[in-house]
C-alpha cells in the first residue's frame, strides 16, 4: 500500500506530504548470500508525526533471499511475490520526502 489521497497531495501529479513536520521510516531486512549475512530491504513503512501511515510496501530484494528471518520480520516468500522493485520504492519515497521538488541532485549514498 502506498499513501492515500487524504495523506498526500497528488493534485500536480507528484506526491508530496501535506504540512507534515516529521516522518519516520522503517525497513525490515531479510537475509541474503550463502551465509544469510547480507541485509536485504524487504519492507518499507513511512509514518507521519501522528503515526498515520503514509507508505507500507513490500520490496523485491535485489538478490535471492536465503533467510526470511520470519521470527523477526514476519515476512514470507508469498509476501515478496508481487513486491515492488527497490529502485521504484526509493523514487516514490524520495518524491514524498522532497514534496515533489526535483530530486535529480539527491545523493542516496551519503554526503
PDB file of N, CA and C in Angstrom:
ATOM      1  N   UNK A   1       0.834  -1.174   0.000  1.00  0.00           N
ATOM      2  CA  UNK A   1       0.000   0.000   0.000  1.00  0.00           C
ATOM      3  C   UNK A   1       0.881   1.240   0.000  1.00  0.00           C
ATOM      4  N   UNK A   2       0.604   2.122  -0.894  1.00  0.00           N
ATOM      5  CA  UNK A   2       1.254   3.426  -0.871  1.00  0.00           C
ATOM      6  C   UNK A   2       0.214   4.437  -0.431  1.00  0.00           C
ATOM      7  N   UNK A   3       0.629   5.537   0.129  1.00  0.00           N
ATOM      8  CA  UNK A   3      -0.137   6.642   0.636  1.00  0.00           C
ATOM      9  C   UNK A   3      -1.543   6.803   0.054  1.00  0.00           C
ATOM     10  N   UNK A   4      -2.418   7.415   0.859  1.00  0.00           N
ATOM     11  CA  UNK A   4      -3.774   7.717   0.417  1.00  0.00           C
ATOM     12  C   UNK A   4      -3.868   9.201   0.080  1.00  0.00           C
ATOM     13  N   UNK A   5      -4.911   9.565  -0.666  1.00  0.00           N
ATOM     14  CA  UNK A   5      -5.036  10.955  -1.121  1.00  0.00           C
ATOM     15  C   UNK A   5      -5.230  11.931   0.028  1.00  0.00           C
ATOM     16  N   UNK A   6      -5.865  11.497   1.142  1.00  0.00           N
ATOM     17  CA  UNK A   6      -6.044  12.424   2.249  1.00  0.00           C
ATOM     18  C   UNK A   6      -4.742  12.682   3.002  1.00  0.00           C
ATOM     19  N   UNK A   7      -3.759  11.808   2.848  1.00  0.00           N
ATOM     20  CA  UNK A   7      -2.464  11.987   3.479  1.00  0.00           C
ATOM     21  C   UNK A   7      -1.477  12.746   2.604  1.00  0.00           C
ATOM     22  N   UNK A   8      -1.687  12.682   1.297  1.00  0.00           N
ATOM     23  CA  UNK A   8      -0.689  13.184   0.368  1.00  0.00           C
ATOM     24  C   UNK A   8      -1.359  14.022  -0.709  1.00  0.00           C
ATOM     25  N   UNK A   9      -0.754  15.136  -1.049  1.00  0.00           N
ATOM     26  CA  UNK A   9      -1.249  15.993  -2.122  1.00  0.00           C
ATOM     27  C   UNK A   9      -0.765  15.452  -3.455  1.00  0.00           C
ATOM     28  N   UNK A  10      -1.712  15.014  -4.300  1.00  0.00           N
ATOM     29  CA  UNK A  10      -1.328  14.495  -5.609  1.00  0.00           C
ATOM     30  C   UNK A  10      -1.930  15.338  -6.731  1.00  0.00           C
ATOM     31  N   UNK A  11      -2.345  16.560  -6.403  1.00  0.00           N
ATOM     32  CA  UNK A  11      -3.026  17.397  -7.385  1.00  0.00           C
ATOM     33  C   UNK A  11      -2.154  17.751  -8.580  1.00  0.00           C
ATOM     34  N   UNK A  12      -0.850  17.828  -8.391  1.00  0.00           N
ATOM     35  CA  UNK A  12       0.032  18.179  -9.505  1.00  0.00           C
ATOM     36  C   UNK A  12       0.652  16.951 -10.157  1.00  0.00           C
ATOM     37  N   UNK A  13       0.154  15.759  -9.785  1.00  0.00           N
ATOM     38  CA  UNK A  13       0.668  14.529 -10.377  1.00  0.00           C
ATOM     39  C   UNK A  13       1.872  13.964  -9.663  1.00  0.00           C
ATOM     40  N   UNK A  14       2.411  14.719  -8.716  1.00  0.00           N
ATOM     41  CA  UNK A  14       3.547  14.243  -7.932  1.00  0.00           C
ATOM     42  C   UNK A  14       3.137  14.274  -6.467  1.00  0.00           C
ATOM     43  N   UNK A  15       3.398  13.202  -5.789  1.00  0.00           N
ATOM     44  CA  UNK A  15       3.010  13.077  -4.394  1.00  0.00           C
ATOM     45  C   UNK A  15       3.875  13.956  -3.504  1.00  0.00           C
ATOM     46  N   UNK A  16       3.257  14.560  -2.512  1.00  0.00           N
ATOM     47  CA  UNK A  16       4.009  15.310  -1.513  1.00  0.00           C
ATOM     48  C   UNK A  16       3.242  15.274  -0.201  1.00  0.00           C
ATOM     49  N   UNK A  17       3.953  15.298   0.896  1.00  0.00           N
ATOM     50  CA  UNK A  17       3.321  15.248   2.199  1.00  0.00           C
ATOM     51  C   UNK A  17       2.715  16.605   2.496  1.00  0.00           C
ATOM     52  N   UNK A  18       1.456  16.615   2.933  1.00  0.00           N
ATOM     53  CA  UNK A  18       0.779  17.862   3.271  1.00  0.00           C
ATOM     54  C   UNK A  18       1.179  18.312   4.670  1.00  0.00           C
ATOM     55  N   UNK A  19       1.836  19.409   4.760  1.00  0.00           N
ATOM     56  CA  UNK A  19       2.185  20.095   6.010  1.00  0.00           C
ATOM     57  C   UNK A  19       2.585  19.156   7.142  1.00  0.00           C
ATOM     58  N   UNK A  20       3.475  18.265   6.883  1.00  0.00           N
ATOM     59  CA  UNK A  20       3.980  17.362   7.912  1.00  0.00           C
ATOM     60  C   UNK A  20       5.330  17.881   8.395  1.00  0.00           C
ATOM     61  N   UNK A  21       5.514  17.890   9.700  1.00  0.00           N
ATOM     62  CA  UNK A  21       6.780  18.352  10.248  1.00  0.00           C
ATOM     63  C   UNK A  21       7.797  17.235  10.369  1.00  0.00           C
ATOM     64  N   UNK A  22       7.316  16.018  10.540  1.00  0.00           N
ATOM     65  CA  UNK A  22       8.248  14.907  10.725  1.00  0.00           C
ATOM     66  C   UNK A  22       7.659  13.626  10.160  1.00  0.00           C
ATOM     67  N   UNK A  23       8.526  12.790   9.683  1.00  0.00           N
ATOM     68  CA  UNK A  23       8.134  11.450   9.256  1.00  0.00           C
ATOM     69  C   UNK A  23       9.165  10.469   9.810  1.00  0.00           C
ATOM     70  N   UNK A  24       8.746   9.229   9.950  1.00  0.00           N
ATOM     71  CA  UNK A  24       9.656   8.165  10.382  1.00  0.00           C
ATOM     72  C   UNK A  24       9.593   7.057   9.348  1.00  0.00           C
ATOM     73  N   UNK A  25      10.721   6.430   9.111  1.00  0.00           N
ATOM     74  CA  UNK A  25      10.784   5.347   8.138  1.00  0.00           C
ATOM     75  C   UNK A  25      11.383   4.115   8.815  1.00  0.00           C
ATOM     76  N   UNK A  26      10.830   2.967   8.479  1.00  0.00           N
ATOM     77  CA  UNK A  26      11.340   1.701   8.996  1.00  0.00           C
ATOM     78  C   UNK A  26      11.490   0.746   7.833  1.00  0.00           C
ATOM     79  N   UNK A  27      12.569  -0.001   7.835  1.00  0.00           N
ATOM     80  CA  UNK A  27      12.802  -1.025   6.818  1.00  0.00           C
ATOM     81  C   UNK A  27      13.000  -2.358   7.513  1.00  0.00           C
ATOM     82  N   UNK A  28      12.325  -3.375   7.025  1.00  0.00           N
ATOM     83  CA  UNK A  28      12.542  -4.733   7.516  1.00  0.00           C
ATOM     84  C   UNK A  28      13.520  -5.404   6.570  1.00  0.00           C
ATOM     85  N   UNK A  29      14.495  -6.063   7.153  1.00  0.00           N
ATOM     86  CA  UNK A  29      15.552  -6.680   6.363  1.00  0.00           C
ATOM     87  C   UNK A  29      15.470  -8.201   6.449  1.00  0.00           C
ATOM     88  N   UNK A  30      15.638  -8.834   5.296  1.00  0.00           N
ATOM     89  CA  UNK A  30      15.760 -10.288   5.224  1.00  0.00           C
ATOM     90  C   UNK A  30      17.215 -10.598   4.895  1.00  0.00           C
ATOM     91  N   UNK A  31      17.577 -11.884   4.942  1.00  0.00           N
ATOM     92  CA  UNK A  31      18.965 -12.263   4.721  1.00  0.00           C
ATOM     93  C   UNK A  31      19.231 -12.764   3.318  1.00  0.00           C
ATOM     94  N   UNK A  32      20.407 -12.458   2.815  1.00  0.00           N
ATOM     95  CA  UNK A  32      20.843 -12.939   1.511  1.00  0.00           C
ATOM     96  C   UNK A  32      22.269 -13.440   1.596  1.00  0.00           C
ATOM     97  N   UNK A  33      22.722 -14.067   0.526  1.00  0.00           N
ATOM     98  CA  UNK A  33      24.079 -14.600   0.490  1.00  0.00           C
ATOM     99  C   UNK A  33      24.131 -16.004   1.046  1.00  0.00           C
ATOM    100  N   UNK A  34      25.237 -16.674   0.801  1.00  0.00           N
ATOM    101  CA  UNK A  34      25.367 -18.082   1.200  1.00  0.00           C
ATOM    102  C   UNK A  34      25.292 -18.282   2.709  1.00  0.00           C
ATOM    103  N   UNK A  35      25.703 -17.278   3.481  1.00  0.00           N
ATOM    104  CA  UNK A  35      25.627 -17.399   4.940  1.00  0.00           C
ATOM    105  C   UNK A  35      24.518 -16.530   5.543  1.00  0.00           C
ATOM    106  N   UNK A  36      23.646 -16.004   4.701  1.00  0.00           N
ATOM    107  CA  UNK A  36      22.484 -15.191   5.119  1.00  0.00           C
ATOM    108  C   UNK A  36      22.877 -13.892   5.818  1.00  0.00           C
ATOM    109  N   UNK A  37      24.114 -13.463   5.683  1.00  0.00           N
ATOM    110  CA  UNK A  37      24.590 -12.294   6.423  1.00  0.00           C
ATOM    111  C   UNK A  37      24.350 -10.964   5.710  1.00  0.00           C
ATOM    112  N   UNK A  38      23.936 -11.004   4.455  1.00  0.00           N
ATOM    113  CA  UNK A  38      23.650  -9.758   3.735  1.00  0.00           C
ATOM    114  C   UNK A  38      22.248  -9.279   4.089  1.00  0.00           C
ATOM    115  N   UNK A  39      22.129  -8.024   4.512  1.00  0.00           N
ATOM    116  CA  UNK A  39      20.823  -7.450   4.824  1.00  0.00           C
ATOM    117  C   UNK A  39      20.194  -6.914   3.548  1.00  0.00           C
ATOM    118  N   UNK A  40      18.989  -7.411   3.250  1.00  0.00           N
ATOM    119  CA  UNK A  40      18.259  -7.001   2.052  1.00  0.00           C
ATOM    120  C   UNK A  40      16.938  -6.371   2.465  1.00  0.00           C
ATOM    121  N   UNK A  41      16.676  -5.169   1.991  1.00  0.00           N
ATOM    122  CA  UNK A  41      15.421  -4.497   2.311  1.00  0.00           C
ATOM    123  C   UNK A  41      14.260  -5.278   1.693  1.00  0.00           C
ATOM    124  N   UNK A  42      13.258  -5.619   2.523  1.00  0.00           N
ATOM    125  CA  UNK A  42      12.110  -6.375   2.041  1.00  0.00           C
ATOM    126  C   UNK A  42      10.779  -5.704   2.359  1.00  0.00           C
ATOM    127  N   UNK A  43      10.780  -4.710   3.240  1.00  0.00           N
ATOM    128  CA  UNK A  43       9.548  -3.979   3.541  1.00  0.00           C
ATOM    129  C   UNK A  43       9.918  -2.580   4.001  1.00  0.00           C
ATOM    130  N   UNK A  44       9.112  -1.601   3.569  1.00  0.00           N
ATOM    131  CA  UNK A  44       9.323  -0.207   3.956  1.00  0.00           C
ATOM    132  C   UNK A  44       8.011   0.347   4.489  1.00  0.00           C
ATOM    133  N   UNK A  45       8.113   1.081   5.578  1.00  0.00           N
ATOM    134  CA  UNK A  45       6.951   1.734   6.172  1.00  0.00           C
ATOM    135  C   UNK A  45       7.340   3.173   6.494  1.00  0.00           C
ATOM    136  N   UNK A  46       6.466   4.100   6.144  1.00  0.00           N
ATOM    137  CA  UNK A  46       6.693   5.521   6.389  1.00  0.00           C
ATOM    138  C   UNK A  46       5.459   6.053   7.102  1.00  0.00           C
ATOM    139  N   UNK A  47       5.642   6.715   8.261  1.00  0.00           N
ATOM    140  CA  UNK A  47       4.532   7.295   9.013  1.00  0.00           C
ATOM    141  C   UNK A  47       4.828   8.755   9.311  1.00  0.00           C
ATOM    142  N   UNK A  48       3.756   9.519   9.577  1.00  0.00           N
ATOM    143  CA  UNK A  48       3.952  10.922   9.936  1.00  0.00           C
ATOM    144  C   UNK A  48       4.049  11.065  11.452  1.00  0.00           C
ATOM    145  N   UNK A  49       4.125  12.309  11.925  1.00  0.00           N
ATOM    146  CA  UNK A  49       4.307  12.545  13.355  1.00  0.00           C
ATOM    147  C   UNK A  49       3.105  12.121  14.186  1.00  0.00           C
ATOM    148  N   UNK A  50       1.958  11.930  13.552  1.00  0.00           N
ATOM    149  CA  UNK A  50       0.763  11.436  14.236  1.00  0.00           C
ATOM    150  C   UNK A  50       0.609   9.926  14.104  1.00  0.00           C
ATOM    151  N   UNK A  51       1.639   9.284  13.594  1.00  0.00           N
ATOM    152  CA  UNK A  51       1.674   7.839  13.363  1.00  0.00           C
ATOM    153  C   UNK A  51       0.650   7.380  12.323  1.00  0.00           C
ATOM    154  N   UNK A  52       0.275   8.295  11.430  1.00  0.00           N
ATOM    155  CA  UNK A  52      -0.602   7.929  10.314  1.00  0.00           C
ATOM    156  C   UNK A  52       0.257   7.338   9.208  1.00  0.00           C
ATOM    157  N   UNK A  53      -0.206   6.241   8.676  1.00  0.00           N
ATOM    158  CA  UNK A  53       0.533   5.527   7.645  1.00  0.00           C
ATOM    159  C   UNK A  53       0.556   6.314   6.339  1.00  0.00           C
ATOM    160  N   UNK A  54       1.735   6.514   5.800  1.00  0.00           N
ATOM    161  CA  UNK A  54       1.908   7.165   4.505  1.00  0.00           C
ATOM    162  C   UNK A  54       2.272   6.117   3.463  1.00  0.00           C
ATOM    163  N   UNK A  55       3.199   5.235   3.811  1.00  0.00           N
ATOM    164  CA  UNK A  55       3.658   4.188   2.895  1.00  0.00           C
ATOM    165  C   UNK A  55       3.810   2.885   3.666  1.00  0.00           C
ATOM    166  N   UNK A  56       3.344   1.822   3.070  1.00  0.00           N
ATOM    167  CA  UNK A  56       3.665   0.469   3.549  1.00  0.00           C
ATOM    168  C   UNK A  56       3.718  -0.408   2.317  1.00  0.00           C
ATOM    169  N   UNK A  57       4.884  -0.936   2.004  1.00  0.00           N
ATOM    170  CA  UNK A  57       5.017  -1.776   0.820  1.00  0.00           C
ATOM    171  C   UNK A  57       6.118  -2.804   1.019  1.00  0.00           C
ATOM    172  N   UNK A  58       5.935  -3.935   0.379  1.00  0.00           N
ATOM    173  CA  UNK A  58       6.991  -4.940   0.337  1.00  0.00           C
ATOM    174  C   UNK A  58       7.930  -4.583  -0.805  1.00  0.00           C
ATOM    175  N   UNK A  59       9.198  -4.912  -0.629  1.00  0.00           N
ATOM    176  CA  UNK A  59      10.239  -4.562  -1.590  1.00  0.00           C
ATOM    177  C   UNK A  59      10.869  -5.846  -2.120  1.00  0.00           C
ATOM    178  N   UNK A  60      11.014  -5.917  -3.430  1.00  0.00           N
ATOM    179  CA  UNK A  60      11.655  -7.065  -4.059  1.00  0.00           C
ATOM    180  C   UNK A  60      13.164  -6.960  -3.861  1.00  0.00           C
ATOM    181  N   UNK A  61      13.772  -7.856  -3.080  1.00  0.00           N
ATOM    182  CA  UNK A  61      15.222  -7.782  -2.871  1.00  0.00           C
ATOM    183  C   UNK A  61      15.982  -7.934  -4.190  1.00  0.00           C
ATOM    184  N   UNK A  62      17.152  -7.320  -4.243  1.00  0.00           N
ATOM    185  CA  UNK A  62      17.935  -7.295  -5.474  1.00  0.00           C
ATOM    186  C   UNK A  62      18.677  -8.596  -5.743  1.00  0.00           C
ATOM    187  N   UNK A  63      18.839  -9.420  -4.728  1.00  0.00           N
ATOM    188  CA  UNK A  63      19.435 -10.746  -4.906  1.00  0.00           C
ATOM    189  C   UNK A  63      18.532 -11.750  -4.189  1.00  0.00           C
ATOM    190  N   UNK A  64      18.686 -13.041  -4.477  1.00  0.00           N
ATOM    191  CA  UNK A  64      17.810 -14.036  -3.850  1.00  0.00           C
ATOM    192  C   UNK A  64      17.886 -14.028  -2.316  1.00  0.00           C
ATOM    193  N   UNK A  65      16.727 -14.222  -1.701  1.00  0.00           N
ATOM    194  CA  UNK A  65      16.636 -14.297  -0.246  1.00  0.00           C
ATOM    195  C   UNK A  65      17.014 -15.708   0.194  1.00  0.00           C
ATOM    196  N   UNK A  66      17.901 -15.797   1.170  1.00  0.00           N
ATOM    197  CA  UNK A  66      18.282 -17.104   1.713  1.00  0.00           C
ATOM    198  C   UNK A  66      17.765 -17.305   3.134  1.00  0.00           C
ATOM    199  N   UNK A  67      17.282 -16.226   3.777  1.00  0.00           N
ATOM    200  CA  UNK A  67      16.681 -16.329   5.107  1.00  0.00           C
ATOM    201  C   UNK A  67      15.668 -15.198   5.254  1.00  0.00           C
ATOM    202  N   UNK A  68      14.398 -15.572   5.368  1.00  0.00           N
ATOM    203  CA  UNK A  68      13.349 -14.559   5.507  1.00  0.00           C
ATOM    204  C   UNK A  68      13.303 -13.965   6.914  1.00  0.00           C
ATOM    205  N   UNK A  69      14.007 -14.561   7.846  1.00  0.00           N
ATOM    206  CA  UNK A  69      14.033 -14.089   9.238  1.00  0.00           C
ATOM    207  C   UNK A  69      12.609 -13.899   9.760  1.00  0.00           C
ATOM    208  N   UNK A  70      11.761 -14.860   9.433  1.00  0.00           N
ATOM    209  CA  UNK A  70      10.328 -14.774   9.717  1.00  0.00           C
ATOM    210  C   UNK A  70      10.023 -14.451  11.182  1.00  0.00           C
ATOM    211  N   UNK A  71      10.761 -15.032  12.097  1.00  0.00           N
ATOM    212  CA  UNK A  71      10.501 -14.805  13.522  1.00  0.00           C
ATOM    213  C   UNK A  71      10.648 -13.335  13.897  1.00  0.00           C
ATOM    214  N   UNK A  72      11.472 -12.622  13.165  1.00  0.00           N
ATOM    215  CA  UNK A  72      11.709 -11.201  13.431  1.00  0.00           C
ATOM    216  C   UNK A  72      10.864 -10.320  12.514  1.00  0.00           C
ATOM    217  N   UNK A  73      10.840 -10.652  11.218  1.00  0.00           N
ATOM    218  CA  UNK A  73      10.211  -9.779  10.220  1.00  0.00           C
ATOM    219  C   UNK A  73       8.747 -10.093   9.951  1.00  0.00           C
ATOM    220  N   UNK A  74       8.359 -11.347  10.120  1.00  0.00           N
ATOM    221  CA  UNK A  74       7.008 -11.763   9.746  1.00  0.00           C
ATOM    222  C   UNK A  74       6.830 -11.880   8.242  1.00  0.00           C
ATOM    223  N   UNK A  75       7.911 -11.768   7.499  1.00  0.00           N
ATOM    224  CA  UNK A  75       7.874 -11.795   6.035  1.00  0.00           C
ATOM    225  C   UNK A  75       8.084 -13.222   5.545  1.00  0.00           C
ATOM    226  N   UNK A  76       7.301 -13.584   4.515  1.00  0.00           N
ATOM    227  CA  UNK A  76       7.451 -14.890   3.875  1.00  0.00           C
ATOM    228  C   UNK A  76       7.676 -14.696   2.380  1.00  0.00           C
ATOM    229  N   UNK A  77       7.996 -15.771   1.712  1.00  0.00           N
ATOM    230  CA  UNK A  77       8.181 -15.737   0.261  1.00  0.00           C
ATOM    231  C   UNK A  77       6.930 -15.214  -0.437  1.00  0.00           C
ATOM    232  N   UNK A  78       5.766 -15.577   0.065  1.00  0.00           N
ATOM    233  CA  UNK A  78       4.494 -15.142  -0.526  1.00  0.00           C
ATOM    234  C   UNK A  78       4.390 -13.615  -0.519  1.00  0.00           C
ATOM    235  N   UNK A  79       4.825 -12.973   0.563  1.00  0.00           N
ATOM    236  CA  UNK A  79       4.754 -11.510   0.651  1.00  0.00           C
ATOM    237  C   UNK A  79       5.552 -10.810  -0.432  1.00  0.00           C
ATOM    238  N   UNK A  80       6.624 -11.442  -0.894  1.00  0.00           N
ATOM    239  CA  UNK A  80       7.525 -10.787  -1.841  1.00  0.00           C
ATOM    240  C   UNK A  80       7.247 -11.137  -3.298  1.00  0.00           C
ATOM    241  N   UNK A  81       6.265 -11.985  -3.545  1.00  0.00           N
ATOM    242  CA  UNK A  81       5.984 -12.404  -4.934  1.00  0.00           C
ATOM    243  C   UNK A  81       5.649 -11.237  -5.850  1.00  0.00           C
ATOM    244  N   UNK A  82       4.812 -10.335  -5.401  1.00  0.00           N
ATOM    245  CA  UNK A  82       4.409  -9.184  -6.218  1.00  0.00           C
ATOM    246  C   UNK A  82       4.999  -7.885  -5.685  1.00  0.00           C
ATOM    247  N   UNK A  83       6.112  -7.986  -4.993  1.00  0.00           N
ATOM    248  CA  UNK A  83       6.726  -6.812  -4.372  1.00  0.00           C
ATOM    249  C   UNK A  83       7.271  -5.847  -5.419  1.00  0.00           C
ATOM    250  N   UNK A  84       7.351  -4.589  -5.011  1.00  0.00           N
ATOM    251  CA  UNK A  84       7.839  -3.516  -5.869  1.00  0.00           C
ATOM    252  C   UNK A  84       9.376  -3.507  -5.870  1.00  0.00           C
ATOM    253  N   UNK A  85       9.999  -3.278  -7.007  1.00  0.00           N
ATOM    254  CA  UNK A  85      11.468  -3.188  -7.047  1.00  0.00           C
ATOM    255  C   UNK A  85      11.988  -2.048  -6.165  1.00  0.00           C
ATOM    256  N   UNK A  86      13.146  -2.255  -5.570  1.00  0.00           N
ATOM    257  CA  UNK A  86      13.734  -1.279  -4.657  1.00  0.00           C
ATOM    258  C   UNK A  86      13.876   0.099  -5.293  1.00  0.00           C
ATOM    259  N   UNK A  87      14.330   0.183  -6.525  1.00  0.00           N
ATOM    260  CA  UNK A  87      14.505   1.488  -7.177  1.00  0.00           C
ATOM    261  C   UNK A  87      13.194   2.250  -7.281  1.00  0.00           C
ATOM    262  N   UNK A  88      12.100   1.542  -7.566  1.00  0.00           N
ATOM    263  CA  UNK A  88      10.793   2.197  -7.660  1.00  0.00           C
ATOM    264  C   UNK A  88      10.327   2.687  -6.289  1.00  0.00           C
ATOM    265  N   UNK A  89      10.500   1.877  -5.265  1.00  0.00           N
ATOM    266  CA  UNK A  89      10.141   2.286  -3.904  1.00  0.00           C
ATOM    267  C   UNK A  89      10.955   3.511  -3.503  1.00  0.00           C
ATOM    268  N   UNK A  90      12.246   3.478  -3.758  1.00  0.00           N
ATOM    269  CA  UNK A  90      13.136   4.593  -3.421  1.00  0.00           C
ATOM    270  C   UNK A  90      12.683   5.882  -4.103  1.00  0.00           C
ATOM    271  N   UNK A  91      12.384   5.813  -5.388  1.00  0.00           N
ATOM    272  CA  UNK A  91      11.957   7.011  -6.120  1.00  0.00           C
ATOM    273  C   UNK A  91      10.655   7.570  -5.568  1.00  0.00           C
ATOM    274  N   UNK A  92       9.701   6.712  -5.268  1.00  0.00           N
ATOM    275  CA  UNK A  92       8.419   7.186  -4.731  1.00  0.00           C
ATOM    276  C   UNK A  92       8.588   7.831  -3.364  1.00  0.00           C
ATOM    277  N   UNK A  93       9.405   7.225  -2.523  1.00  0.00           N
ATOM    278  CA  UNK A  93       9.625   7.795  -1.198  1.00  0.00           C
ATOM    279  C   UNK A  93      10.366   9.123  -1.303  1.00  0.00           C
ATOM    280  N   UNK A  94      11.344   9.214  -2.174  1.00  0.00           N
ATOM    281  CA  UNK A  94      12.047  10.486  -2.365  1.00  0.00           C
ATOM    282  C   UNK A  94      11.103  11.575  -2.856  1.00  0.00           C
ATOM    283  N   UNK A  95      10.175  11.249  -3.739  1.00  0.00           N
ATOM    284  CA  UNK A  95       9.197  12.236  -4.199  1.00  0.00           C
ATOM    285  C   UNK A  95       8.347  12.736  -3.041  1.00  0.00           C
ATOM    286  N   UNK A  96       7.956  11.832  -2.159  1.00  0.00           N
ATOM    287  CA  UNK A  96       7.164  12.224  -0.994  1.00  0.00           C
ATOM    288  C   UNK A  96       7.991  13.097  -0.060  1.00  0.00           C
ATOM    289  N   UNK A  97       9.193  12.667   0.262  1.00  0.00           N
ATOM    290  CA  UNK A  97      10.026  13.394   1.221  1.00  0.00           C
ATOM    291  C   UNK A  97      10.479  14.754   0.713  1.00  0.00           C
ATOM    292  N   UNK A  98      10.621  14.891  -0.588  1.00  0.00           N
ATOM    293  CA  UNK A  98      11.062  16.166  -1.165  1.00  0.00           C
ATOM    294  C   UNK A  98       9.895  16.996  -1.668  1.00  0.00           C
ATOM    295  N   UNK A  99       8.681  16.656  -1.234  1.00  0.00           N
ATOM    296  CA  UNK A  99       7.479  17.419  -1.564  1.00  0.00           C
ATOM    297  C   UNK A  99       7.347  17.716  -3.044  1.00  0.00           C
ATOM    298  N   UNK A 100       7.715  16.755  -3.869  1.00  0.00           N
ATOM    299  CA  UNK A 100       7.538  16.904  -5.305  1.00  0.00           C
ATOM    300  C   UNK A 100       8.600  17.737  -5.992  1.00  0.00           C
ATOM    301  N   UNK A 101       9.572  18.273  -5.230  1.00  0.00           N
ATOM    302  CA  UNK A 101      10.638  19.061  -5.843  1.00  0.00           C
ATOM    303  C   UNK A 101      11.601  18.141  -6.575  1.00  0.00           C
ATOM    304  N   UNK A 102      12.412  18.705  -7.429  1.00  0.00           N
ATOM    305  CA  UNK A 102      13.374  17.919  -8.189  1.00  0.00           C
ATOM    306  C   UNK A 102      14.284  17.139  -7.254  1.00  0.00           C
ATOM    307  N   UNK A 103      14.434  15.863  -7.551  1.00  0.00           N
ATOM    308  CA  UNK A 103      15.307  15.024  -6.733  1.00  0.00           C
ATOM    309  C   UNK A 103      16.499  14.533  -7.539  1.00  0.00           C
ATOM    310  N   UNK A 104      16.713  15.129  -8.686  1.00  0.00           N
ATOM    311  CA  UNK A 104      17.780  14.659  -9.568  1.00  0.00           C
ATOM    312  C   UNK A 104      19.166  14.841  -8.961  1.00  0.00           C
ATOM    313  N   UNK A 105      19.312  15.749  -8.008  1.00  0.00           N
ATOM    314  CA  UNK A 105      20.628  16.005  -7.429  1.00  0.00           C
ATOM    315  C   UNK A 105      20.799  15.354  -6.061  1.00  0.00           C
ATOM    316  N   UNK A 106      19.799  14.607  -5.615  1.00  0.00           N
ATOM    317  CA  UNK A 106      19.878  13.960  -4.311  1.00  0.00           C
ATOM    318  C   UNK A 106      20.816  12.770  -4.381  1.00  0.00           C
ATOM    319  N   UNK A 107      21.702  12.665  -3.412  1.00  0.00           N
ATOM    320  CA  UNK A 107      22.614  11.512  -3.348  1.00  0.00           C
ATOM    321  C   UNK A 107      22.036  10.499  -2.383  1.00  0.00           C
ATOM    322  N   UNK A 108      21.977   9.259  -2.816  1.00  0.00           N
ATOM    323  CA  UNK A 108      21.434   8.203  -1.980  1.00  0.00           C
ATOM    324  C   UNK A 108      22.504   7.472  -1.196  1.00  0.00           C
ATOM    325  N   UNK A 109      23.769   7.792  -1.446  1.00  0.00           N
ATOM    326  CA  UNK A 109      24.857   7.076  -0.789  1.00  0.00           C
ATOM    327  C   UNK A 109      25.574   7.927   0.254  1.00  0.00           C
ATOM    328  N   UNK A 110      24.943   8.981   0.718  1.00  0.00           N
ATOM    329  CA  UNK A 110      25.538   9.824   1.750  1.00  0.00           C
ATOM    330  C   UNK A 110      26.209  11.052   1.177  1.00  0.00           C
ATOM    331  N   UNK A 111      26.810  11.877   2.061  1.00  0.00           N
ATOM    332  CA  UNK A 111      27.419  13.142   1.624  1.00  0.00           C
ATOM    333  C   UNK A 111      28.650  12.956   0.771  1.00  0.00           C
TER     334      UNK A 111
END
